[in-house]
Every structure is written in structure tokens, then in C-alpha cells.
């Protein structure tokens, strides 16, 4: 069986590094990139890079700034996904969520993303082979929370299934 290589577009890496800089300043970005060992590297938005770099950035954020900062990084990354940034003003949360699989496939070279609307006012985001560590779950929670916020939808995000806890998929449910 061939194992899929985990790669992520540079715009995600740049989005997380920009988040660090916007939250805590350029000097903190320099400290973070030096600590991670990527201080001399530039990331092209359209190229794919080893996903482990994202792992290291998110772990640095969590170690140095806490769990809430990782969730906030997920919230901020939604604004860096291109088409979502302009489209969302005209969208409801269901329409926005249905765009996740297409955007996911343009950003990640591994795993899968599915969206279901099992009943009114509920959206399920199902991720398979995407979450390899706890910080990634936090980021996806932040992305889902931000989807509610930017569509001005009152609601909550639940995480009833998690691959890290032995479930077959990671599932996030938006209830509104």
C-alpha cells in the first residue's frame, strides 16, 4: 500500500507566519522561525511543502502562546484561503461550509474533507486522515468557529469524533 505524502501549499505556511507576526510582532516571527529552523526560507503561496512544517509552526504557537492561540490561528487562516475572503460576505454558513472540500483539495495533498447537512441548522465537516496531532484539531475548531462568525451566524462547534481518540474520522458539527 502506497502512503500518501503529506504536503501543504505555501499560502497556509505564510498564513500561519503572518498570524504570528500580526499577533505578536515581527520580532516574534523571527524568534519562531529561528526556533523551528525555517528562518532562512521563503514559501511560495502556490507551491507545496512538507506538511511537517505546519506541524512545527502550530506546536511552536501552542508551546509559546497556548491552546487559545492555536484556535485563533485557525480562525485567522480562514481569511487566507483566497476565494473565501471575498465570497463569504455574500454567503450563509451552509454555503460557505460546502466550499470547504474544494478549498481543502487545493491546499492539502493528503486526506479528505466532506461536508454533510444532515438536518436544518446542522453542518458536519468530516475529515479523514487529516488530523495527526492535537494542534490540528484546534485549528479546525477555529476554522469552524470563524465560519460561524464571518457569516454572522450564532451557534456552536462540537467535535464528537476524533481520529486521535481512535474514531475513523475527525468530525466537527456546526449547530446554529
C-alpha atoms as a PDB file:
ATOM      1  CA  UNK A   1       0.000   0.000   0.000  1.00  0.00           C
ATOM      2  CA  UNK A   2       1.406   3.401  -1.022  1.00  0.00           C
ATOM      3  CA  UNK A   3       1.458   6.050   1.710  1.00  0.00           C
ATOM      4  CA  UNK A   4       0.332   9.499   0.568  1.00  0.00           C
ATOM      5  CA  UNK A   5       2.955  12.179   1.055  1.00  0.00           C
ATOM      6  CA  UNK A   6       1.684  14.968   3.283  1.00  0.00           C
ATOM      7  CA  UNK A   7       2.185  18.332   1.592  1.00  0.00           C
ATOM      8  CA  UNK A   8       0.567  21.712   2.159  1.00  0.00           C
ATOM      9  CA  UNK A   9       0.501  24.821  -0.016  1.00  0.00           C
ATOM     10  CA  UNK A  10       2.834  27.627   0.906  1.00  0.00           C
ATOM     11  CA  UNK A  11      -0.053  30.038   1.411  1.00  0.00           C
ATOM     12  CA  UNK A  12      -1.001  28.092   4.545  1.00  0.00           C
ATOM     13  CA  UNK A  13       2.560  28.323   5.893  1.00  0.00           C
ATOM     14  CA  UNK A  14       2.643  32.029   5.073  1.00  0.00           C
ATOM     15  CA  UNK A  15      -0.769  32.451   6.688  1.00  0.00           C
ATOM     16  CA  UNK A  16       0.421  30.991   9.995  1.00  0.00           C
ATOM     17  CA  UNK A  17       3.641  33.007   9.936  1.00  0.00           C
ATOM     18  CA  UNK A  18       1.679  36.164   9.119  1.00  0.00           C
ATOM     19  CA  UNK A  19      -0.643  35.334  12.023  1.00  0.00           C
ATOM     20  CA  UNK A  20       2.345  35.159  14.377  1.00  0.00           C
ATOM     21  CA  UNK A  21       3.622  38.497  13.110  1.00  0.00           C
ATOM     22  CA  UNK A  22       0.221  40.202  13.259  1.00  0.00           C
ATOM     23  CA  UNK A  23      -0.454  38.939  16.786  1.00  0.00           C
ATOM     24  CA  UNK A  24       2.937  39.360  18.429  1.00  0.00           C
ATOM     25  CA  UNK A  25       5.148  41.349  16.045  1.00  0.00           C
ATOM     26  CA  UNK A  26       7.924  40.837  13.521  1.00  0.00           C
ATOM     27  CA  UNK A  27      10.465  40.064  16.238  1.00  0.00           C
ATOM     28  CA  UNK A  28       8.316  37.164  17.487  1.00  0.00           C
ATOM     29  CA  UNK A  29       8.029  35.848  13.939  1.00  0.00           C
ATOM     30  CA  UNK A  30      11.844  35.883  13.748  1.00  0.00           C
ATOM     31  CA  UNK A  31      12.106  34.064  17.067  1.00  0.00           C
ATOM     32  CA  UNK A  32       9.546  31.468  15.947  1.00  0.00           C
ATOM     33  CA  UNK A  33      11.114  30.804  12.545  1.00  0.00           C
ATOM     34  CA  UNK A  34      14.575  30.526  14.140  1.00  0.00           C
ATOM     35  CA  UNK A  35      13.302  28.114  16.799  1.00  0.00           C
ATOM     36  CA  UNK A  36      11.597  25.991  14.130  1.00  0.00           C
ATOM     37  CA  UNK A  37      14.657  26.150  11.848  1.00  0.00           C
ATOM     38  CA  UNK A  38      12.946  27.860   8.917  1.00  0.00           C
ATOM     39  CA  UNK A  39      14.292  31.398   9.343  1.00  0.00           C
ATOM     40  CA  UNK A  40      16.169  31.418   6.043  1.00  0.00           C
ATOM     41  CA  UNK A  41      13.317  30.035   3.958  1.00  0.00           C
ATOM     42  CA  UNK A  42      10.674  31.710   1.823  1.00  0.00           C
ATOM     43  CA  UNK A  43       7.439  29.993   0.928  1.00  0.00           C
ATOM     44  CA  UNK A  44       5.752  30.476  -2.429  1.00  0.00           C
ATOM     45  CA  UNK A  45       1.977  30.569  -1.977  1.00  0.00           C
ATOM     46  CA  UNK A  46       1.355  28.284  -4.958  1.00  0.00           C
ATOM     47  CA  UNK A  47       3.937  25.594  -4.191  1.00  0.00           C
ATOM     48  CA  UNK A  48       3.528  22.540  -1.964  1.00  0.00           C
ATOM     49  CA  UNK A  49       5.816  21.941   1.034  1.00  0.00           C
ATOM     50  CA  UNK A  50       6.203  19.221   3.637  1.00  0.00           C
ATOM     51  CA  UNK A  51       3.230  19.370   6.000  1.00  0.00           C
ATOM     52  CA  UNK A  52       5.548  18.738   8.940  1.00  0.00           C
ATOM     53  CA  UNK A  53       6.480  22.422   8.710  1.00  0.00           C
ATOM     54  CA  UNK A  54       2.875  23.295   9.602  1.00  0.00           C
ATOM     55  CA  UNK A  55       3.108  20.801  12.489  1.00  0.00           C
ATOM     56  CA  UNK A  56       6.166  22.602  13.808  1.00  0.00           C
ATOM     57  CA  UNK A  57       4.631  26.081  13.464  1.00  0.00           C
ATOM     58  CA  UNK A  58       1.458  25.047  15.288  1.00  0.00           C
ATOM     59  CA  UNK A  59       3.414  23.304  18.039  1.00  0.00           C
ATOM     60  CA  UNK A  60       5.527  26.440  18.486  1.00  0.00           C
ATOM     61  CA  UNK A  61       2.383  28.565  18.780  1.00  0.00           C
ATOM     62  CA  UNK A  62       0.895  26.198  21.361  1.00  0.00           C
ATOM     63  CA  UNK A  63       4.081  25.872  23.417  1.00  0.00           C
ATOM     64  CA  UNK A  64       4.721  29.606  23.486  1.00  0.00           C
ATOM     65  CA  UNK A  65       1.253  31.160  23.328  1.00  0.00           C
ATOM     66  CA  UNK A  66      -1.203  28.463  24.457  1.00  0.00           C
ATOM     67  CA  UNK A  67      -4.168  26.474  23.176  1.00  0.00           C
ATOM     68  CA  UNK A  68      -6.364  29.515  22.541  1.00  0.00           C
ATOM     69  CA  UNK A  69      -3.700  30.958  20.242  1.00  0.00           C
ATOM     70  CA  UNK A  70      -3.791  27.805  18.093  1.00  0.00           C
ATOM     71  CA  UNK A  71      -7.583  28.068  17.792  1.00  0.00           C
ATOM     72  CA  UNK A  72      -7.193  31.744  16.934  1.00  0.00           C
ATOM     73  CA  UNK A  73      -4.621  30.802  14.267  1.00  0.00           C
ATOM     74  CA  UNK A  74      -7.251  28.520  12.730  1.00  0.00           C
ATOM     75  CA  UNK A  75      -9.760  31.351  12.774  1.00  0.00           C
ATOM     76  CA  UNK A  76      -7.287  33.652  11.043  1.00  0.00           C
ATOM     77  CA  UNK A  77      -6.276  31.117   8.401  1.00  0.00           C
ATOM     78  CA  UNK A  78      -9.813  31.056   7.002  1.00  0.00           C
ATOM     79  CA  UNK A  79      -9.208  34.595   5.758  1.00  0.00           C
ATOM     80  CA  UNK A  80      -6.105  33.456   3.874  1.00  0.00           C
ATOM     81  CA  UNK A  81      -7.825  30.868   1.694  1.00  0.00           C
ATOM     82  CA  UNK A  82      -8.302  33.095  -1.344  1.00  0.00           C
ATOM     83  CA  UNK A  83     -11.832  32.930  -2.666  1.00  0.00           C
ATOM     84  CA  UNK A  84     -13.383  32.641   0.784  1.00  0.00           C
ATOM     85  CA  UNK A  85     -12.207  36.093   1.771  1.00  0.00           C
ATOM     86  CA  UNK A  86     -14.437  37.901  -0.743  1.00  0.00           C
ATOM     87  CA  UNK A  87     -17.180  35.313  -1.191  1.00  0.00           C
ATOM     88  CA  UNK A  88     -18.086  34.956   2.462  1.00  0.00           C
ATOM     89  CA  UNK A  89     -19.760  38.371   2.716  1.00  0.00           C
ATOM     90  CA  UNK A  90     -22.480  37.082   0.436  1.00  0.00           C
ATOM     91  CA  UNK A  91     -22.838  33.648   1.978  1.00  0.00           C
ATOM     92  CA  UNK A  92     -24.574  31.782   4.744  1.00  0.00           C
ATOM     93  CA  UNK A  93     -22.719  29.224   6.833  1.00  0.00           C
ATOM     94  CA  UNK A  94     -24.085  26.211   4.879  1.00  0.00           C
ATOM     95  CA  UNK A  95     -22.958  27.643   1.521  1.00  0.00           C
ATOM     96  CA  UNK A  96     -19.573  28.516   2.999  1.00  0.00           C
ATOM     97  CA  UNK A  97     -19.137  25.065   4.548  1.00  0.00           C
ATOM     98  CA  UNK A  98     -19.963  23.380   1.242  1.00  0.00           C
ATOM     99  CA  UNK A  99     -16.937  25.214  -0.243  1.00  0.00           C
ATOM    100  CA  UNK A 100     -14.579  23.594   2.298  1.00  0.00           C
ATOM    101  CA  UNK A 101     -13.896  20.370   0.298  1.00  0.00           C
ATOM    102  CA  UNK A 102     -12.869  22.260  -2.858  1.00  0.00           C
ATOM    103  CA  UNK A 103     -10.670  24.667  -0.909  1.00  0.00           C
ATOM    104  CA  UNK A 104      -9.266  21.762   1.112  1.00  0.00           C
ATOM    105  CA  UNK A 105      -8.254  19.892  -2.065  1.00  0.00           C
ATOM    106  CA  UNK A 106      -6.489  22.997  -3.384  1.00  0.00           C
ATOM    107  CA  UNK A 107      -4.458  23.373  -0.189  1.00  0.00           C
ATOM    108  CA  UNK A 108      -3.639  19.862   1.046  1.00  0.00           C
ATOM    109  CA  UNK A 109      -2.183  16.942  -0.929  1.00  0.00           C
ATOM    110  CA  UNK A 110      -3.432  14.381   1.592  1.00  0.00           C
ATOM    111  CA  UNK A 111      -6.554  13.310   3.433  1.00  0.00           C
ATOM    112  CA  UNK A 112     -10.125  14.162   2.569  1.00  0.00           C
ATOM    113  CA  UNK A 113     -12.816  16.626   3.581  1.00  0.00           C
ATOM    114  CA  UNK A 114     -16.554  16.043   3.278  1.00  0.00           C
ATOM    115  CA  UNK A 115     -19.454  18.282   4.275  1.00  0.00           C
ATOM    116  CA  UNK A 116     -22.899  16.993   5.154  1.00  0.00           C
ATOM    117  CA  UNK A 117     -26.063  18.836   6.103  1.00  0.00           C
ATOM    118  CA  UNK A 118     -27.929  16.074   7.967  1.00  0.00           C
ATOM    119  CA  UNK A 119     -30.785  18.339   9.099  1.00  0.00           C
ATOM    120  CA  UNK A 120     -31.606  22.027   9.178  1.00  0.00           C
ATOM    121  CA  UNK A 121     -29.248  24.198  11.192  1.00  0.00           C
ATOM    122  CA  UNK A 122     -26.557  21.489  11.388  1.00  0.00           C
ATOM    123  CA  UNK A 123     -23.439  21.118   9.273  1.00  0.00           C
ATOM    124  CA  UNK A 124     -20.966  18.251   9.622  1.00  0.00           C
ATOM    125  CA  UNK A 125     -17.378  18.657   8.499  1.00  0.00           C
ATOM    126  CA  UNK A 126     -15.802  15.213   8.206  1.00  0.00           C
ATOM    127  CA  UNK A 127     -12.012  14.978   7.906  1.00  0.00           C
ATOM    128  CA  UNK A 128     -10.257  11.690   7.187  1.00  0.00           C
ATOM    129  CA  UNK A 129      -6.508  11.221   7.563  1.00  0.00           C
ATOM    130  CA  UNK A 130      -6.004  14.943   8.170  1.00  0.00           C
ATOM    131  CA  UNK A 131      -5.544  15.234  11.919  1.00  0.00           C
ATOM    132  CA  UNK A 132      -2.228  13.786  13.079  1.00  0.00           C
ATOM    133  CA  UNK A 133      -1.777  15.792  16.281  1.00  0.00           C
ATOM    134  CA  UNK A 134      -3.888  17.777  18.716  1.00  0.00           C
ATOM    135  CA  UNK A 135      -2.972  21.221  17.394  1.00  0.00           C
ATOM    136  CA  UNK A 136      -4.537  20.348  14.030  1.00  0.00           C
ATOM    137  CA  UNK A 137      -7.852  19.610  15.793  1.00  0.00           C
ATOM    138  CA  UNK A 138      -7.617  23.015  17.460  1.00  0.00           C
ATOM    139  CA  UNK A 139      -7.029  24.713  14.103  1.00  0.00           C
ATOM    140  CA  UNK A 140     -10.059  23.027  12.531  1.00  0.00           C
ATOM    141  CA  UNK A 141     -12.173  24.066  15.522  1.00  0.00           C
ATOM    142  CA  UNK A 142     -11.009  27.638  14.917  1.00  0.00           C
ATOM    143  CA  UNK A 143     -11.829  27.406  11.207  1.00  0.00           C
ATOM    144  CA  UNK A 144     -15.347  26.177  12.013  1.00  0.00           C
ATOM    145  CA  UNK A 145     -15.855  28.873  14.660  1.00  0.00           C
ATOM    146  CA  UNK A 146     -14.734  31.532  12.215  1.00  0.00           C
ATOM    147  CA  UNK A 147     -17.133  30.212   9.562  1.00  0.00           C
ATOM    148  CA  UNK A 148     -19.952  30.969  12.012  1.00  0.00           C
ATOM    149  CA  UNK A 149     -18.527  34.368  12.909  1.00  0.00           C
ATOM    150  CA  UNK A 150     -17.909  35.691   9.403  1.00  0.00           C
ATOM    151  CA  UNK A 151     -21.347  34.623   8.227  1.00  0.00           C
ATOM    152  CA  UNK A 152     -22.842  36.303  11.309  1.00  0.00           C
ATOM    153  CA  UNK A 153     -24.363  33.012  12.444  1.00  0.00           C
ATOM    154  CA  UNK A 154     -24.891  32.364  16.146  1.00  0.00           C
ATOM    155  CA  UNK A 155     -24.040  28.817  17.006  1.00  0.00           C
ATOM    156  CA  UNK A 156     -21.505  26.418  18.444  1.00  0.00           C
ATOM    157  CA  UNK A 157     -18.936  23.927  17.223  1.00  0.00           C
ATOM    158  CA  UNK A 158     -18.840  20.384  18.545  1.00  0.00           C
ATOM    159  CA  UNK A 159     -16.124  17.767  17.959  1.00  0.00           C
ATOM    160  CA  UNK A 160     -17.928  14.447  18.571  1.00  0.00           C
ATOM    161  CA  UNK A 161     -15.445  12.205  16.724  1.00  0.00           C
ATOM    162  CA  UNK A 162     -11.665  12.408  16.584  1.00  0.00           C
ATOM    163  CA  UNK A 163      -9.158  10.169  14.802  1.00  0.00           C
ATOM    164  CA  UNK A 164      -6.632  10.928  17.530  1.00  0.00           C
ATOM    165  CA  UNK A 165      -9.004   9.266  20.005  1.00  0.00           C
ATOM    166  CA  UNK A 166      -9.492   6.190  17.817  1.00  0.00           C
ATOM    167  CA  UNK A 167     -12.502   7.214  15.723  1.00  0.00           C
ATOM    168  CA  UNK A 168     -12.443   6.555  11.980  1.00  0.00           C
ATOM    169  CA  UNK A 169     -12.718  10.278  11.164  1.00  0.00           C
ATOM    170  CA  UNK A 170     -12.489  13.678  12.764  1.00  0.00           C
ATOM    171  CA  UNK A 171     -15.937  15.259  12.761  1.00  0.00           C
ATOM    172  CA  UNK A 172     -16.857  18.836  13.556  1.00  0.00           C
ATOM    173  CA  UNK A 173     -20.519  19.764  13.854  1.00  0.00           C
ATOM    174  CA  UNK A 174     -21.732  23.331  13.500  1.00  0.00           C
ATOM    175  CA  UNK A 175     -25.067  23.810  15.267  1.00  0.00           C
ATOM    176  CA  UNK A 176     -26.851  27.098  14.684  1.00  0.00           C
END
